[in-house]
Amino acid sequence: MLDLLAERGPGKTICPSEAAKHVGGTSSRRDWEGLMEPAREAARRLVKAGRIVVTQKDKVVDAATAKGAIRLRLR
């Protein structure tokens, strides 16, 4: 996640699905779909470590309670 965010550049975001696709492959949804919850868990750990923030509609939200589509941004 951190590598993907660094590649994207300052102030830019990624979706956790991008990290899941990076790890699981993009040839089939089945290849990465099962990695979505682990990706969100990894994002929560990075939030706790102060490395990233989780956003919805460009507003920082609580990673532990966010529902629906989220984006990740470097802190």
N, C-alpha and C. Protein backbone atom coordinates (compact mmCIF):
# COMPACT_ATOMS: atom_id res chain seq x y z
N MET A 1 0.82 -1.19 0.00
CA MET A 1 0.00 0.00 0.00
C MET A 1 0.86 1.25 0.00
N LEU A 2 1.86 1.23 0.85
CA LEU A 2 2.71 2.41 0.94
C LEU A 2 3.45 2.64 -0.38
N ASP A 3 3.89 1.57 -1.03
CA ASP A 3 4.56 1.72 -2.32
C ASP A 3 3.60 2.28 -3.37
N LEU A 4 2.38 1.76 -3.40
CA LEU A 4 1.40 2.26 -4.37
C LEU A 4 1.09 3.73 -4.12
N LEU A 5 0.96 4.11 -2.86
CA LEU A 5 0.69 5.50 -2.54
C LEU A 5 1.86 6.40 -2.91
N ALA A 6 3.08 5.93 -2.67
CA ALA A 6 4.26 6.71 -3.02
C ALA A 6 4.34 6.90 -4.53
N GLU A 7 4.02 5.85 -5.29
CA GLU A 7 4.02 5.95 -6.75
C GLU A 7 2.98 6.96 -7.23
N ARG A 8 1.84 6.99 -6.56
CA ARG A 8 0.74 7.86 -6.97
C ARG A 8 1.11 9.33 -6.77
N GLY A 9 1.84 9.61 -5.68
CA GLY A 9 2.31 10.97 -5.44
C GLY A 9 1.62 11.64 -4.27
N PRO A 10 2.18 12.76 -3.81
CA PRO A 10 1.66 13.47 -2.64
C PRO A 10 0.19 13.88 -2.82
N GLY A 11 -0.59 13.63 -1.77
CA GLY A 11 -1.99 14.04 -1.77
C GLY A 11 -2.92 13.14 -2.56
N LYS A 12 -2.38 12.16 -3.26
CA LYS A 12 -3.21 11.26 -4.07
C LYS A 12 -3.66 10.07 -3.24
N THR A 13 -4.70 9.40 -3.69
CA THR A 13 -5.27 8.28 -2.94
C THR A 13 -5.29 7.01 -3.78
N ILE A 14 -5.48 5.90 -3.08
CA ILE A 14 -5.74 4.62 -3.73
C ILE A 14 -6.94 3.98 -3.04
N CYS A 15 -7.52 3.03 -3.72
CA CYS A 15 -8.58 2.21 -3.14
C CYS A 15 -7.93 0.94 -2.60
N PRO A 16 -8.41 0.39 -1.51
CA PRO A 16 -7.85 -0.87 -1.03
C PRO A 16 -7.87 -1.97 -2.10
N SER A 17 -8.82 -1.89 -3.03
CA SER A 17 -8.87 -2.90 -4.09
C SER A 17 -7.64 -2.85 -4.98
N GLU A 18 -7.04 -1.67 -5.13
CA GLU A 18 -5.82 -1.57 -5.93
C GLU A 18 -4.70 -2.37 -5.28
N ALA A 19 -4.61 -2.32 -3.96
CA ALA A 19 -3.59 -3.10 -3.26
C ALA A 19 -3.90 -4.59 -3.36
N ALA A 20 -5.18 -4.95 -3.23
CA ALA A 20 -5.58 -6.36 -3.35
C ALA A 20 -5.27 -6.89 -4.75
N LYS A 21 -5.53 -6.09 -5.77
CA LYS A 21 -5.23 -6.50 -7.15
C LYS A 21 -3.73 -6.62 -7.36
N HIS A 22 -2.97 -5.75 -6.75
CA HIS A 22 -1.52 -5.78 -6.88
C HIS A 22 -0.97 -7.09 -6.30
N VAL A 23 -1.52 -7.53 -5.19
CA VAL A 23 -1.07 -8.76 -4.54
C VAL A 23 -1.66 -10.00 -5.21
N GLY A 24 -2.96 -9.96 -5.49
CA GLY A 24 -3.66 -11.15 -5.96
C GLY A 24 -3.71 -11.33 -7.46
N GLY A 25 -3.35 -10.31 -8.20
CA GLY A 25 -3.44 -10.39 -9.66
C GLY A 25 -4.75 -9.83 -10.16
N THR A 26 -4.75 -9.44 -11.40
CA THR A 26 -5.95 -8.79 -11.96
C THR A 26 -6.60 -9.61 -13.06
N SER A 27 -6.17 -10.84 -13.25
CA SER A 27 -6.74 -11.63 -14.35
C SER A 27 -8.19 -12.01 -14.10
N SER A 28 -8.56 -12.14 -12.85
CA SER A 28 -9.94 -12.52 -12.51
C SER A 28 -10.30 -11.89 -11.17
N ARG A 29 -11.57 -11.49 -11.05
CA ARG A 29 -12.01 -10.91 -9.78
C ARG A 29 -11.78 -11.87 -8.62
N ARG A 30 -11.91 -13.16 -8.90
CA ARG A 30 -11.70 -14.16 -7.85
C ARG A 30 -10.27 -14.14 -7.33
N ASP A 31 -9.33 -13.68 -8.16
CA ASP A 31 -7.93 -13.65 -7.75
C ASP A 31 -7.69 -12.66 -6.61
N TRP A 32 -8.44 -11.57 -6.58
CA TRP A 32 -8.17 -10.53 -5.58
C TRP A 32 -9.33 -10.23 -4.64
N GLU A 33 -10.52 -10.64 -4.99
CA GLU A 33 -11.69 -10.28 -4.17
C GLU A 33 -11.57 -10.77 -2.73
N GLY A 34 -11.01 -11.94 -2.53
CA GLY A 34 -10.84 -12.49 -1.19
C GLY A 34 -9.79 -11.74 -0.37
N LEU A 35 -9.04 -10.86 -1.01
CA LEU A 35 -8.02 -10.09 -0.32
C LEU A 35 -8.52 -8.72 0.14
N MET A 36 -9.77 -8.41 -0.14
CA MET A 36 -10.29 -7.09 0.22
C MET A 36 -10.31 -6.84 1.72
N GLU A 37 -10.82 -7.78 2.49
CA GLU A 37 -10.86 -7.55 3.94
C GLU A 37 -9.45 -7.52 4.52
N PRO A 38 -8.54 -8.42 4.11
CA PRO A 38 -7.16 -8.27 4.59
C PRO A 38 -6.54 -6.92 4.19
N ALA A 39 -6.90 -6.40 3.04
CA ALA A 39 -6.38 -5.08 2.62
C ALA A 39 -6.93 -3.99 3.54
N ARG A 40 -8.20 -4.07 3.86
CA ARG A 40 -8.78 -3.07 4.78
C ARG A 40 -8.16 -3.19 6.18
N GLU A 41 -7.88 -4.43 6.61
CA GLU A 41 -7.23 -4.63 7.90
C GLU A 41 -5.82 -4.02 7.89
N ALA A 42 -5.10 -4.24 6.80
CA ALA A 42 -3.76 -3.66 6.68
C ALA A 42 -3.85 -2.13 6.72
N ALA A 43 -4.86 -1.57 6.08
CA ALA A 43 -5.05 -0.12 6.09
C ALA A 43 -5.29 0.36 7.52
N ARG A 44 -6.11 -0.37 8.29
CA ARG A 44 -6.35 0.02 9.68
C ARG A 44 -5.07 0.00 10.50
N ARG A 45 -4.21 -0.99 10.25
CA ARG A 45 -2.93 -1.04 10.96
C ARG A 45 -2.05 0.16 10.59
N LEU A 46 -2.06 0.54 9.31
CA LEU A 46 -1.26 1.69 8.87
C LEU A 46 -1.80 2.99 9.45
N VAL A 47 -3.11 3.07 9.64
CA VAL A 47 -3.70 4.24 10.29
C VAL A 47 -3.22 4.32 11.73
N LYS A 48 -3.29 3.19 12.44
CA LYS A 48 -2.84 3.16 13.84
C LYS A 48 -1.37 3.52 13.97
N ALA A 49 -0.59 3.16 12.95
CA ALA A 49 0.85 3.47 12.97
C ALA A 49 1.13 4.91 12.55
N GLY A 50 0.07 5.64 12.16
CA GLY A 50 0.24 7.04 11.77
C GLY A 50 0.80 7.23 10.37
N ARG A 51 0.72 6.21 9.53
CA ARG A 51 1.31 6.28 8.19
C ARG A 51 0.33 6.78 7.13
N ILE A 52 -0.96 6.45 7.28
CA ILE A 52 -1.96 6.84 6.28
C ILE A 52 -3.22 7.34 6.98
N VAL A 53 -4.13 7.91 6.18
CA VAL A 53 -5.48 8.23 6.64
C VAL A 53 -6.45 7.55 5.70
N VAL A 54 -7.64 7.29 6.20
CA VAL A 54 -8.72 6.72 5.41
C VAL A 54 -9.72 7.84 5.13
N THR A 55 -10.15 7.94 3.89
CA THR A 55 -11.09 9.00 3.53
C THR A 55 -12.33 8.44 2.84
N GLN A 56 -13.39 9.20 2.94
CA GLN A 56 -14.61 9.00 2.17
C GLN A 56 -15.05 10.38 1.73
N LYS A 57 -15.28 10.54 0.44
CA LYS A 57 -15.68 11.83 -0.12
C LYS A 57 -14.72 12.94 0.31
N ASP A 58 -13.43 12.64 0.25
CA ASP A 58 -12.34 13.59 0.57
C ASP A 58 -12.29 14.02 2.04
N LYS A 59 -13.01 13.34 2.92
CA LYS A 59 -12.96 13.67 4.35
C LYS A 59 -12.36 12.48 5.10
N VAL A 60 -11.49 12.77 6.05
CA VAL A 60 -10.88 11.72 6.86
C VAL A 60 -11.96 11.10 7.73
N VAL A 61 -11.99 9.76 7.74
CA VAL A 61 -12.98 9.03 8.54
C VAL A 61 -12.25 8.02 9.42
N ASP A 62 -12.97 7.50 10.40
CA ASP A 62 -12.44 6.49 11.30
C ASP A 62 -12.35 5.17 10.54
N ALA A 63 -11.15 4.64 10.41
CA ALA A 63 -10.92 3.40 9.66
C ALA A 63 -11.66 2.21 10.27
N ALA A 64 -11.87 2.24 11.57
CA ALA A 64 -12.50 1.11 12.26
C ALA A 64 -14.00 1.05 12.02
N THR A 65 -14.62 2.19 11.71
CA THR A 65 -16.08 2.20 11.58
C THR A 65 -16.56 2.56 10.18
N ALA A 66 -15.65 2.89 9.28
CA ALA A 66 -16.05 3.30 7.93
C ALA A 66 -16.75 2.14 7.22
N LYS A 67 -17.86 2.45 6.59
CA LYS A 67 -18.62 1.48 5.80
C LYS A 67 -18.63 1.96 4.36
N GLY A 68 -18.61 1.03 3.45
CA GLY A 68 -18.67 1.39 2.04
C GLY A 68 -17.30 1.71 1.47
N ALA A 69 -17.31 2.39 0.35
CA ALA A 69 -16.08 2.70 -0.38
C ALA A 69 -15.19 3.66 0.41
N ILE A 70 -13.93 3.30 0.51
CA ILE A 70 -12.95 4.15 1.20
C ILE A 70 -11.76 4.38 0.27
N ARG A 71 -11.01 5.40 0.57
CA ARG A 71 -9.76 5.70 -0.15
C ARG A 71 -8.67 5.82 0.91
N LEU A 72 -7.44 5.58 0.50
CA LEU A 72 -6.30 5.66 1.40
C LEU A 72 -5.35 6.73 0.90
N ARG A 73 -4.80 7.52 1.83
CA ARG A 73 -3.87 8.60 1.49
C ARG A 73 -2.74 8.62 2.50
N LEU A 74 -1.55 8.91 2.02
CA LEU A 74 -0.42 9.06 2.94
C LEU A 74 -0.69 10.22 3.89
N ARG A 75 -0.24 10.08 5.11
CA ARG A 75 -0.41 11.13 6.12
C ARG A 75 0.55 12.25 5.84
